[in-house]
Amino acid sequence: MIVISNAQNKRKIIKRCVIAAVCILLLTAVALTVYFLFLRSDPEKKPDERTDAGGVLTVRALDVGQGDSILITAPGGKNILIDTGLYFPDNTIKNLLIRYGVDEIEYMVLTHPHGDHIGNAARILREFKTKNVIMIDMIGASYSYKELLDELEKQTDINVIEGKAGLCFEVSGAEFRVLSPKVLAEDLNESSIVMRMTYGKNSMLFMADAGEPTEEWLMRNYTASELRSDVIKIGHHGSTYSSTRSFLRMVAPEYAVISCGKDNDYGHPHSRVTNTLISLGIKILRTDMDGTVSFYFYGDKIVTEPAR
C-alpha cells in the first residue's frame, strides 16, 4: 500500500509540473507577443514612420513644382499649411495632404497673393476644414486670388487674420512669430509674410518670396538671436535677388531648403545662391532634385531626409 501511494504521489507531482511548465510557456508566449507588437521600439524605424503625436514636429516642403507649399504637422496631428503652390487641374496638392494624414487645418498662412503661392487655396478651403487663414491685406490680380476671396466670403466661420510683424500664435508647443511685413511694399514679393517657428531648442525661418530689401530690413530691426534658425526656407525659390551672404551669415542655418520646379524657366535656384550656401557650409535640399523634403524636429535635434 505504501509503494502504490508513493507511485500515485509521483504521478501527481509530475502532472503538476507539466501543467506548471505549460502555463509558464503560454505566459511567456503572451508576454513576448505583447512586447513585440506594442511595447518594443524599433531602432530601424524611419523618422517619417514615427507618429507625430509622440512629440515630433514635422515640416515638409512639398514637391509642388515651381511654387511654394509647406506642411507643418505639430504633435497631436495639428496642421499648419504655408502657401498652396501653383494651380493645376489635377489633385496634386490634395493628394499630398491626404498622404500625410491631413483632415483639418489649424492655420493656413498665405504669404502673398502670387499664383504660385495661393493657386490652390480656394480648393483646399473647400476640401479641408480650415479654422484660421493668415494673409496680407494686399490685392492680387490673379484668378486664384479672386477665387480665394469668394471662398472666404462663403465660409464665414473661418477666422481671417492680417499677417503683419508682431503677430504670434502657438500650436501644440510650436511658437510662430511673424517678422515681416511691418508696412506693405509696392512689390508683392517684398510684402511676403516672413515667419519664424521655434519648437524647443530648434527653429526654422520661412522666407516666402522675400528678397534682399526685406533681408536688409530684417537685419536692421531684429537681433541675431531673433533671426538665428537651424533651417531656412530660402526666399523666392533661390533667385539671384534673395539670400545675400550677410543675411545667411546672420541666420546661420545648418540646413537650407529650396522650393522650385525641375528645369524651370527662371533658372531657380541661381548659382550665386547655391555657391554662397555651399561656401558657408549650409546643407542644401531642393524639391526639384529631392522631391518632398521632410524635417523632423525633436526639440533638441533635427533629422532630415527627402521623401522616399
Protein backbone atom coordinates (compact mmCIF):
# COMPACT_ATOMS: atom_id res chain seq x y z
CA MET A 1 0.00 0.00 0.00
CA ILE A 2 2.82 2.40 0.74
CA VAL A 3 4.50 1.70 -2.63
CA ILE A 4 1.26 2.37 -4.52
CA SER A 5 0.73 5.61 -2.61
CA ASN A 6 4.24 6.82 -3.47
CA ALA A 7 3.69 5.99 -7.15
CA GLN A 8 0.43 7.91 -7.15
CA ASN A 9 2.12 10.85 -5.48
CA LYS A 10 4.89 10.84 -8.08
CA ARG A 11 2.35 10.83 -10.90
CA LYS A 12 0.51 13.74 -9.29
CA ILE A 13 3.75 15.70 -8.87
CA ILE A 14 4.79 15.04 -12.47
CA LYS A 15 1.34 16.08 -13.69
CA ARG A 16 1.51 19.30 -11.71
CA CYS A 17 4.99 20.05 -13.02
CA VAL A 18 3.86 19.51 -16.62
CA ILE A 19 0.85 21.79 -16.11
CA ALA A 20 3.05 24.44 -14.49
CA ALA A 21 5.58 24.23 -17.33
CA VAL A 22 2.83 24.58 -19.96
CA CYS A 23 1.39 27.61 -18.11
CA ILE A 24 4.82 29.25 -17.94
CA LEU A 25 5.37 28.67 -21.67
CA LEU A 26 1.95 30.12 -22.50
CA LEU A 27 2.50 33.17 -20.31
CA THR A 28 5.96 33.70 -21.85
CA ALA A 29 4.49 33.49 -25.36
CA VAL A 30 1.78 36.02 -24.49
CA ALA A 31 4.31 38.39 -22.91
CA LEU A 32 6.61 38.20 -25.92
CA THR A 33 3.71 38.83 -28.28
CA VAL A 34 2.63 41.93 -26.36
CA TYR A 35 6.22 43.18 -26.23
CA PHE A 36 6.93 42.84 -29.93
CA LEU A 37 3.53 44.11 -31.07
CA PHE A 38 3.03 47.04 -28.72
CA LEU A 39 5.97 47.88 -26.49
CA ARG A 40 9.16 47.31 -28.42
CA SER A 41 10.58 50.42 -30.11
CA ASP A 42 12.05 49.58 -33.47
CA PRO A 43 15.51 51.14 -33.80
CA GLU A 44 15.36 50.67 -37.57
CA LYS A 45 12.16 52.70 -37.88
CA LYS A 46 12.45 55.68 -40.21
CA PRO A 47 11.61 59.14 -38.85
CA ASP A 48 8.56 59.51 -41.11
CA GLU A 49 7.15 56.23 -39.75
CA ARG A 50 7.03 57.63 -36.22
CA THR A 51 3.80 59.14 -35.02
CA ASP A 52 3.69 62.94 -34.98
CA ALA A 53 1.64 62.67 -31.77
CA GLY A 54 4.73 61.41 -29.94
CA GLY A 55 6.34 64.85 -29.55
CA VAL A 56 7.93 65.09 -33.00
CA LEU A 57 7.06 68.11 -35.14
CA THR A 58 7.35 67.57 -38.90
CA VAL A 59 7.96 70.23 -41.54
CA ARG A 60 7.54 69.14 -45.16
CA ALA A 61 8.49 71.29 -48.14
CA LEU A 62 6.04 69.73 -50.56
CA ASP A 63 7.05 68.96 -54.12
CA VAL A 64 4.56 71.18 -55.96
CA GLY A 65 6.72 72.19 -58.91
CA GLN A 66 7.59 75.87 -59.41
CA GLY A 67 5.81 77.16 -56.34
CA ASP A 68 5.73 77.05 -52.56
CA SER A 69 3.76 74.86 -50.17
CA ILE A 70 4.96 73.82 -46.73
CA LEU A 71 3.06 71.49 -44.42
CA ILE A 72 3.81 71.56 -40.70
CA THR A 73 2.36 68.79 -38.54
CA ALA A 74 2.63 69.58 -34.84
CA PRO A 75 2.37 66.99 -32.04
CA GLY A 76 -1.19 65.79 -31.73
CA GLY A 77 -1.68 65.96 -35.51
CA LYS A 78 -2.49 69.67 -35.80
CA ASN A 79 -1.60 71.09 -39.21
CA ILE A 80 -0.27 74.44 -40.38
CA LEU A 81 -0.11 74.96 -44.15
CA ILE A 82 2.08 77.73 -45.55
CA ASP A 83 1.05 78.50 -49.15
CA THR A 84 -0.58 76.12 -51.60
CA GLY A 85 1.51 76.08 -54.79
CA LEU A 86 0.55 76.93 -58.37
CA TYR A 87 -2.91 75.86 -59.54
CA PHE A 88 -3.01 72.62 -61.51
CA PRO A 89 -6.20 70.90 -62.69
CA ASP A 90 -5.09 67.60 -61.12
CA ASN A 91 -5.27 66.85 -57.38
CA THR A 92 -1.52 67.02 -56.64
CA ILE A 93 -1.79 69.19 -53.53
CA LYS A 94 -4.92 67.43 -52.26
CA ASN A 95 -3.31 64.01 -52.67
CA LEU A 96 -0.18 65.15 -50.84
CA LEU A 97 -2.20 66.44 -47.90
CA ILE A 98 -4.19 63.20 -47.74
CA ARG A 99 -0.97 61.20 -47.96
CA TYR A 100 0.37 62.98 -44.90
CA GLY A 101 -2.80 62.49 -42.91
CA VAL A 102 -4.35 65.96 -43.11
CA ASP A 103 -8.08 66.15 -42.45
CA GLU A 104 -8.19 69.58 -40.79
CA ILE A 105 -6.00 72.69 -40.99
CA GLU A 106 -5.45 74.77 -37.88
CA TYR A 107 -3.78 77.67 -39.72
CA MET A 108 -3.38 78.36 -43.43
CA VAL A 109 -0.75 81.04 -43.98
CA LEU A 110 -0.88 82.67 -47.42
CA THR A 111 2.33 84.65 -47.63
CA HIS A 112 1.34 86.88 -50.56
CA PRO A 113 -1.20 86.74 -53.43
CA HIS A 114 1.01 85.45 -56.25
CA GLY A 115 -0.46 82.47 -58.11
CA ASP A 116 2.45 80.12 -57.34
CA HIS A 117 1.71 80.57 -53.63
CA ILE A 118 -2.09 80.78 -53.45
CA GLY A 119 -3.03 78.82 -56.57
CA ASN A 120 -4.84 76.02 -54.72
CA ALA A 121 -6.00 77.96 -51.66
CA ALA A 122 -9.71 78.07 -52.57
CA ARG A 123 -9.73 74.39 -53.49
CA ILE A 124 -8.10 73.40 -50.20
CA LEU A 125 -10.59 75.51 -48.24
CA ARG A 126 -13.38 73.59 -49.96
CA GLU A 127 -11.78 70.18 -49.38
CA PHE A 128 -10.36 70.55 -45.85
CA LYS A 129 -11.92 72.15 -42.79
CA THR A 130 -9.79 75.20 -42.01
CA LYS A 131 -10.03 77.23 -38.80
CA ASN A 132 -7.78 80.24 -39.49
CA VAL A 133 -6.37 81.96 -42.57
CA ILE A 134 -3.46 84.40 -42.19
CA MET A 135 -2.83 86.67 -45.17
CA ILE A 136 -1.59 90.16 -46.01
CA ASP A 137 -4.04 92.98 -46.67
CA MET A 138 -2.96 93.43 -50.27
CA ILE A 139 -4.83 92.81 -53.50
CA GLY A 140 -3.65 90.24 -56.03
CA ALA A 141 -4.55 90.28 -59.70
CA SER A 142 -4.80 86.55 -60.39
CA TYR A 143 -7.94 84.47 -60.81
CA SER A 144 -6.72 82.33 -57.90
CA TYR A 145 -6.86 85.37 -55.63
CA LYS A 146 -10.43 86.23 -56.68
CA GLU A 147 -11.46 82.61 -56.16
CA LEU A 148 -9.88 82.69 -52.69
CA LEU A 149 -11.81 85.81 -51.69
CA ASP A 150 -15.06 84.31 -52.98
CA GLU A 151 -14.48 81.15 -50.92
CA LEU A 152 -13.67 83.12 -47.77
CA GLU A 153 -16.85 85.10 -48.26
CA LYS A 154 -18.83 81.84 -48.35
CA GLN A 155 -17.10 80.27 -45.34
CA THR A 156 -17.87 82.87 -42.72
CA ASP A 157 -16.75 80.57 -39.89
CA ILE A 158 -13.10 80.84 -40.98
CA ASN A 159 -11.15 83.35 -38.89
CA VAL A 160 -9.22 85.65 -41.26
CA ILE A 161 -6.18 87.29 -39.63
CA GLU A 162 -3.96 90.00 -41.10
CA GLY A 163 -0.37 88.79 -41.33
CA LYS A 164 1.96 91.55 -40.17
CA ALA A 165 5.03 91.92 -37.98
CA GLY A 166 4.28 91.20 -34.33
CA LEU A 167 1.61 88.57 -34.91
CA CYS A 168 2.27 85.45 -32.80
CA PHE A 169 0.42 82.18 -32.39
CA GLU A 170 1.10 78.78 -30.83
CA VAL A 171 0.16 75.25 -31.87
CA SER A 172 0.99 72.22 -29.68
CA GLY A 173 4.14 73.74 -28.23
CA ALA A 174 5.37 75.24 -31.52
CA GLU A 175 5.55 79.03 -31.46
CA PHE A 176 5.17 81.11 -34.61
CA ARG A 177 6.17 84.77 -34.92
CA VAL A 178 5.58 86.92 -37.99
CA LEU A 179 8.67 89.10 -38.52
CA SER A 180 7.61 90.92 -41.68
CA PRO A 181 5.97 92.88 -43.26
CA LYS A 182 5.55 95.76 -40.86
CA VAL A 183 4.50 98.06 -43.68
CA LEU A 184 3.36 96.76 -47.07
CA ALA A 185 5.65 97.49 -50.01
CA GLU A 186 4.66 98.13 -53.63
CA ASP A 187 6.35 94.86 -54.56
CA LEU A 188 4.22 91.86 -53.56
CA ASN A 189 7.34 89.75 -53.01
CA GLU A 190 8.75 92.24 -50.51
CA SER A 191 5.37 92.24 -48.73
CA SER A 192 5.62 88.48 -48.17
CA ILE A 193 4.88 87.13 -44.72
CA VAL A 194 8.24 86.15 -43.23
CA MET A 195 7.74 83.88 -40.23
CA ARG A 196 9.96 82.16 -37.67
CA MET A 197 8.95 78.95 -35.89
CA THR A 198 10.51 77.72 -32.66
CA TYR A 199 10.00 74.26 -31.20
CA GLY A 200 12.02 73.52 -28.10
CA LYS A 201 15.60 74.47 -28.89
CA ASN A 202 15.04 74.21 -32.65
CA SER A 203 13.89 76.89 -35.09
CA MET A 204 13.06 77.46 -38.75
CA LEU A 205 12.76 80.65 -40.80
CA PHE A 206 10.23 80.81 -43.65
CA MET A 207 11.18 83.50 -46.18
CA ALA A 208 8.36 83.11 -48.75
CA ASP A 209 9.37 85.29 -51.77
CA ALA A 210 11.19 87.96 -49.76
CA GLY A 211 14.35 89.28 -51.36
CA GLU A 212 17.31 91.49 -50.50
CA PRO A 213 15.31 94.60 -49.42
CA THR A 214 13.37 92.55 -46.85
CA GLU A 215 16.55 90.79 -45.70
CA GLU A 216 18.20 94.17 -45.06
CA TRP A 217 15.14 95.38 -43.14
CA LEU A 218 15.14 92.22 -41.01
CA MET A 219 18.83 92.64 -40.15
CA ARG A 220 18.23 96.25 -39.10
CA ASN A 221 15.18 95.51 -36.97
CA TYR A 222 15.99 92.18 -35.30
CA THR A 223 18.92 90.85 -33.34
CA ALA A 224 20.96 87.88 -34.48
CA SER A 225 19.30 85.69 -31.82
CA GLU A 226 15.85 86.66 -33.15
CA LEU A 227 16.80 85.57 -36.68
CA ARG A 228 19.09 82.64 -35.86
CA SER A 229 17.47 79.43 -37.19
CA ASP A 230 18.52 75.82 -37.69
CA VAL A 231 16.66 75.65 -41.02
CA ILE A 232 15.79 78.33 -43.58
CA LYS A 233 13.29 78.08 -46.40
CA ILE A 234 15.19 80.09 -48.97
CA GLY A 235 13.41 83.19 -50.29
CA HIS A 236 11.97 83.46 -53.81
CA HIS A 237 12.88 79.92 -54.91
CA GLY A 238 16.59 80.74 -54.70
CA SER A 239 16.53 83.62 -57.16
CA THR A 240 19.51 85.93 -57.54
CA TYR A 241 17.53 88.67 -55.77
CA SER A 242 17.46 86.83 -52.44
CA SER A 243 19.71 85.09 -49.91
CA THR A 244 22.58 87.51 -49.52
CA ARG A 245 25.73 86.34 -47.79
CA SER A 246 25.35 88.81 -44.92
CA PHE A 247 21.79 87.66 -44.23
CA LEU A 248 22.66 83.97 -44.35
CA ARG A 249 25.59 84.55 -42.01
CA MET A 250 23.26 86.23 -39.53
CA VAL A 251 20.65 83.45 -39.72
CA ALA A 252 23.45 80.84 -39.60
CA PRO A 253 21.30 77.81 -40.54
CA GLU A 254 22.50 74.23 -40.71
CA TYR A 255 20.02 73.40 -43.48
CA ALA A 256 18.54 75.35 -46.38
CA VAL A 257 15.57 74.07 -48.36
CA ILE A 258 14.76 75.49 -51.79
CA SER A 259 11.32 75.04 -53.31
CA CYS A 260 11.44 75.14 -57.11
CA GLY A 261 10.33 73.19 -60.18
CA LYS A 262 12.53 70.85 -62.16
CA ASP A 263 14.04 72.56 -65.24
CA ASN A 264 12.03 75.72 -64.50
CA ASP A 265 12.13 78.66 -66.92
CA TYR A 266 13.57 81.06 -64.30
CA GLY A 267 16.83 79.26 -63.67
CA HIS A 268 15.98 78.80 -60.00
CA PRO A 269 17.94 78.32 -57.87
CA HIS A 270 20.60 80.75 -59.08
CA SER A 271 24.20 79.57 -58.89
CA ARG A 272 25.12 82.62 -56.78
CA VAL A 273 22.73 81.42 -54.08
CA THR A 274 23.81 77.78 -54.12
CA ASN A 275 27.50 78.75 -54.21
CA THR A 276 27.00 81.06 -51.23
CA LEU A 277 25.24 78.31 -49.29
CA ILE A 278 28.00 75.83 -50.08
CA SER A 279 30.76 78.26 -49.11
CA LEU A 280 29.05 78.84 -45.73
CA GLY A 281 28.80 75.10 -45.10
CA ILE A 282 24.99 75.08 -45.21
CA LYS A 283 23.43 71.78 -46.31
CA ILE A 284 21.10 72.25 -49.32
CA LEU A 285 17.93 70.30 -50.06
CA ARG A 286 15.84 71.05 -53.17
CA THR A 287 12.35 69.94 -54.13
CA ASP A 288 13.31 69.86 -57.82
CA MET A 289 16.01 67.28 -57.10
CA ASP A 290 14.90 65.61 -53.86
CA GLY A 291 11.10 65.74 -54.14
CA THR A 292 9.23 66.50 -50.92
CA VAL A 293 11.78 67.29 -48.20
CA SER A 294 10.96 66.41 -44.58
CA PHE A 295 12.43 67.84 -41.39
CA TYR A 296 11.72 66.13 -38.05
CA PHE A 297 12.01 68.49 -35.08
CA TYR A 298 12.56 66.73 -31.75
CA GLY A 299 13.03 69.92 -29.76
CA ASP A 300 16.72 69.30 -29.20
CA LYS A 301 17.76 67.95 -32.61
CA ILE A 302 16.58 67.84 -36.23
CA VAL A 303 16.59 64.86 -38.57
CA THR A 304 16.02 65.45 -42.27
CA GLU A 305 15.56 63.36 -45.38
CA PRO A 306 13.99 63.61 -48.82
CA ALA A 307 10.78 61.61 -49.18
CA ARG A 308 11.20 58.06 -50.44
